[in-house]
Amino acid sequence: MKCPFCGEDEDKVVDTRSRDDGKAIRRRRQCLKCERRFITIEIVEDKTISVIKSDNRHEPFDAQKIIRGIQIACIKRPVSIDQIEKLVLKVESEIQSGFQKEIESRVIGELVSKYLRDLDEIAYVRFASVYRKFEDKKEFEKELKQLKDINKNKN
């Protein structure tokens, strides 16, 4: 496992825990070079899903890409890595149970948006702005209005 801080590929496992009813293993690791700690999650892949990108390219599903996108949207927001990991596991579970071999990246973005909106509205708008490729402030305003309407209907 490569250290996300220094790139070294030698580490030791400090702690291991089962998660999500045994469907995942969380390992706390320590880099042997820089001695910083990081967490990895191991998940059993039931089936390989191909993601159809907007330009019709196909690539294997990679949960780490979702995690990175959400982490960027959550910069300086009160959202923990555990909350992000749980969100991604929900998305993965929904993808695994609802789709056969292929899924459009657009559908993945909508699933992430749905769960992220409930977790943190600011992170949701940030994520949506990149995912939906907002080009001007009118698109932001439209999204904020929709978010406001959703919140009105909840109350």
Protein backbone atom coordinates (compact mmCIF):
# COMPACT_ATOMS: atom_id res chain seq x y z
CA MET A 1 0.00 0.00 0.00
CA LYS A 2 1.50 3.36 -1.01
CA CYS A 3 1.65 6.04 1.66
CA PRO A 4 -0.61 8.93 0.59
CA PHE A 5 1.85 11.39 2.14
CA CYS A 6 5.30 10.31 0.92
CA GLY A 7 4.61 7.58 -1.65
CA GLU A 8 6.58 4.87 0.17
CA ASP A 9 5.13 1.39 -0.30
CA GLU A 10 6.30 -0.12 2.98
CA ASP A 11 3.92 0.17 5.92
CA LYS A 12 2.71 -1.74 8.94
CA VAL A 13 -0.85 -2.43 10.00
CA VAL A 14 -1.51 -0.82 13.39
CA ASP A 15 -5.18 -1.76 13.81
CA THR A 16 -7.76 -3.84 11.93
CA ARG A 17 -11.53 -3.73 12.36
CA SER A 18 -14.47 -5.30 10.58
CA ARG A 19 -17.08 -2.89 9.24
CA ASP A 20 -20.53 -2.96 7.72
CA ASP A 21 -21.50 -6.41 8.97
CA GLY A 22 -18.25 -7.95 7.78
CA LYS A 23 -18.53 -6.59 4.24
CA ALA A 24 -15.47 -4.38 4.70
CA ILE A 25 -12.25 -4.28 6.70
CA ARG A 26 -10.83 -1.00 7.98
CA ARG A 27 -7.09 -0.98 8.56
CA ARG A 28 -5.09 1.76 10.23
CA ARG A 29 -1.58 1.75 8.79
CA GLN A 30 1.66 3.53 9.58
CA CYS A 31 4.22 4.38 6.94
CA LEU A 32 7.66 2.98 7.80
CA LYS A 33 9.38 5.94 6.12
CA CYS A 34 7.53 9.10 7.25
CA GLU A 35 5.72 7.40 10.18
CA ARG A 36 2.41 9.11 9.37
CA ARG A 37 -0.77 7.10 9.79
CA PHE A 38 -3.51 6.55 7.24
CA ILE A 39 -6.60 4.39 6.89
CA THR A 40 -7.49 1.92 4.18
CA ILE A 41 -10.78 0.15 3.57
CA GLU A 42 -10.88 -3.28 1.95
CA ILE A 43 -14.15 -4.30 0.33
CA VAL A 44 -15.03 -7.54 -1.40
CA GLU A 45 -15.98 -6.84 -4.99
CA ASP A 46 -18.95 -8.97 -5.95
CA LYS A 47 -18.81 -8.14 -9.61
CA THR A 48 -16.83 -5.81 -11.80
CA ILE A 49 -18.90 -2.89 -12.97
CA SER A 50 -17.93 -0.82 -15.96
CA VAL A 51 -18.57 2.92 -15.79
CA ILE A 52 -19.68 4.59 -19.00
CA LYS A 53 -18.15 8.06 -19.08
CA SER A 54 -19.80 11.07 -20.76
CA ASP A 55 -17.58 10.61 -23.84
CA ASN A 56 -18.68 6.92 -24.05
CA ARG A 57 -15.36 5.56 -22.79
CA HIS A 58 -15.64 2.60 -20.41
CA GLU A 59 -13.53 2.19 -17.29
CA PRO A 60 -13.74 -0.02 -14.20
CA PHE A 61 -15.73 1.31 -11.25
CA ASP A 62 -13.38 2.86 -8.67
CA ALA A 63 -14.80 3.90 -5.30
CA GLN A 64 -11.61 5.84 -4.54
CA LYS A 65 -12.53 8.34 -7.27
CA ILE A 66 -15.84 8.98 -5.51
CA ILE A 67 -14.08 9.38 -2.16
CA ARG A 68 -11.62 11.89 -3.63
CA GLY A 69 -14.42 13.91 -5.24
CA ILE A 70 -16.40 14.03 -2.01
CA GLN A 71 -13.32 14.93 0.04
CA ILE A 72 -12.66 17.89 -2.26
CA ALA A 73 -16.28 19.03 -1.92
CA CYS A 74 -16.01 18.69 1.88
CA ILE A 75 -12.85 20.76 2.35
CA LYS A 76 -13.26 22.94 5.47
CA ARG A 77 -16.70 21.41 6.15
CA PRO A 78 -17.65 19.53 9.33
CA VAL A 79 -17.72 16.15 7.57
CA SER A 80 -15.57 13.28 8.86
CA ILE A 81 -13.82 10.66 6.76
CA ASP A 82 -16.10 8.06 8.41
CA GLN A 83 -19.17 9.92 7.14
CA ILE A 84 -17.66 10.05 3.66
CA GLU A 85 -16.83 6.33 3.74
CA LYS A 86 -20.36 5.47 4.86
CA LEU A 87 -21.80 7.59 2.05
CA VAL A 88 -19.61 5.83 -0.51
CA LEU A 89 -20.60 2.41 0.86
CA LYS A 90 -24.28 3.37 0.42
CA VAL A 91 -23.59 4.41 -3.16
CA GLU A 92 -21.62 1.22 -3.86
CA SER A 93 -24.32 -0.93 -2.32
CA GLU A 94 -27.00 0.74 -4.43
CA ILE A 95 -24.89 0.31 -7.57
CA GLN A 96 -24.15 -3.35 -6.82
CA SER A 97 -27.77 -4.21 -6.14
CA GLY A 98 -29.36 -2.16 -8.91
CA PHE A 99 -27.13 -2.56 -11.95
CA GLN A 100 -25.71 -5.47 -13.87
CA LYS A 101 -22.43 -4.81 -15.65
CA GLU A 102 -22.51 -1.14 -16.67
CA ILE A 103 -23.55 2.16 -15.16
CA GLU A 104 -23.34 5.68 -16.54
CA SER A 105 -21.12 8.09 -14.62
CA ARG A 106 -24.09 10.47 -14.59
CA VAL A 107 -26.09 7.96 -12.51
CA ILE A 108 -23.21 7.61 -10.03
CA GLY A 109 -23.04 11.41 -9.74
CA GLU A 110 -26.78 11.57 -9.02
CA LEU A 111 -26.48 8.90 -6.31
CA VAL A 112 -23.58 10.72 -4.66
CA SER A 113 -25.48 14.02 -4.90
CA LYS A 114 -28.57 12.50 -3.29
CA TYR A 115 -26.66 11.28 -0.23
CA LEU A 116 -24.33 14.30 -0.03
CA ARG A 117 -27.30 16.72 -0.02
CA ASP A 118 -28.52 15.08 3.20
CA LEU A 119 -25.04 15.10 4.73
CA ASP A 120 -23.87 18.67 4.02
CA GLU A 121 -25.62 21.16 1.74
CA ILE A 122 -22.52 23.25 1.03
CA ALA A 123 -20.51 20.18 0.05
CA TYR A 124 -23.47 19.09 -2.07
CA VAL A 125 -23.50 22.37 -4.03
CA ARG A 126 -19.73 22.20 -4.49
CA PHE A 127 -19.94 18.61 -5.74
CA ALA A 128 -22.89 19.40 -8.02
CA SER A 129 -21.09 22.39 -9.52
CA VAL A 130 -18.23 20.18 -10.69
CA TYR A 131 -20.30 17.11 -11.53
CA ARG A 132 -22.88 19.07 -13.55
CA LYS A 133 -20.23 21.43 -14.98
CA PHE A 134 -21.81 24.71 -13.92
CA GLU A 135 -20.66 27.47 -16.23
CA ASP A 136 -22.15 30.60 -14.68
CA LYS A 137 -23.74 31.94 -11.52
CA LYS A 138 -27.27 31.36 -12.87
CA GLU A 139 -26.70 27.61 -12.65
CA PHE A 140 -25.58 28.03 -9.01
CA GLU A 141 -28.64 30.14 -8.28
CA LYS A 142 -30.93 27.56 -9.85
CA GLU A 143 -29.38 24.77 -7.77
CA LEU A 144 -29.63 26.83 -4.58
CA LYS A 145 -33.29 27.59 -5.31
CA GLN A 146 -34.00 23.88 -5.78
CA LEU A 147 -32.21 23.13 -2.50
CA LYS A 148 -34.25 25.82 -0.76
CA ASP A 149 -37.49 24.35 -2.18
CA ILE A 150 -36.52 20.87 -0.99
CA ASN A 151 -35.85 22.20 2.51
CA LYS A 152 -39.22 24.00 2.52
CA ASN A 153 -41.00 20.77 1.64
CA LYS A 154 -39.21 18.89 4.44
CA ASN A 155 -40.47 21.34 7.07
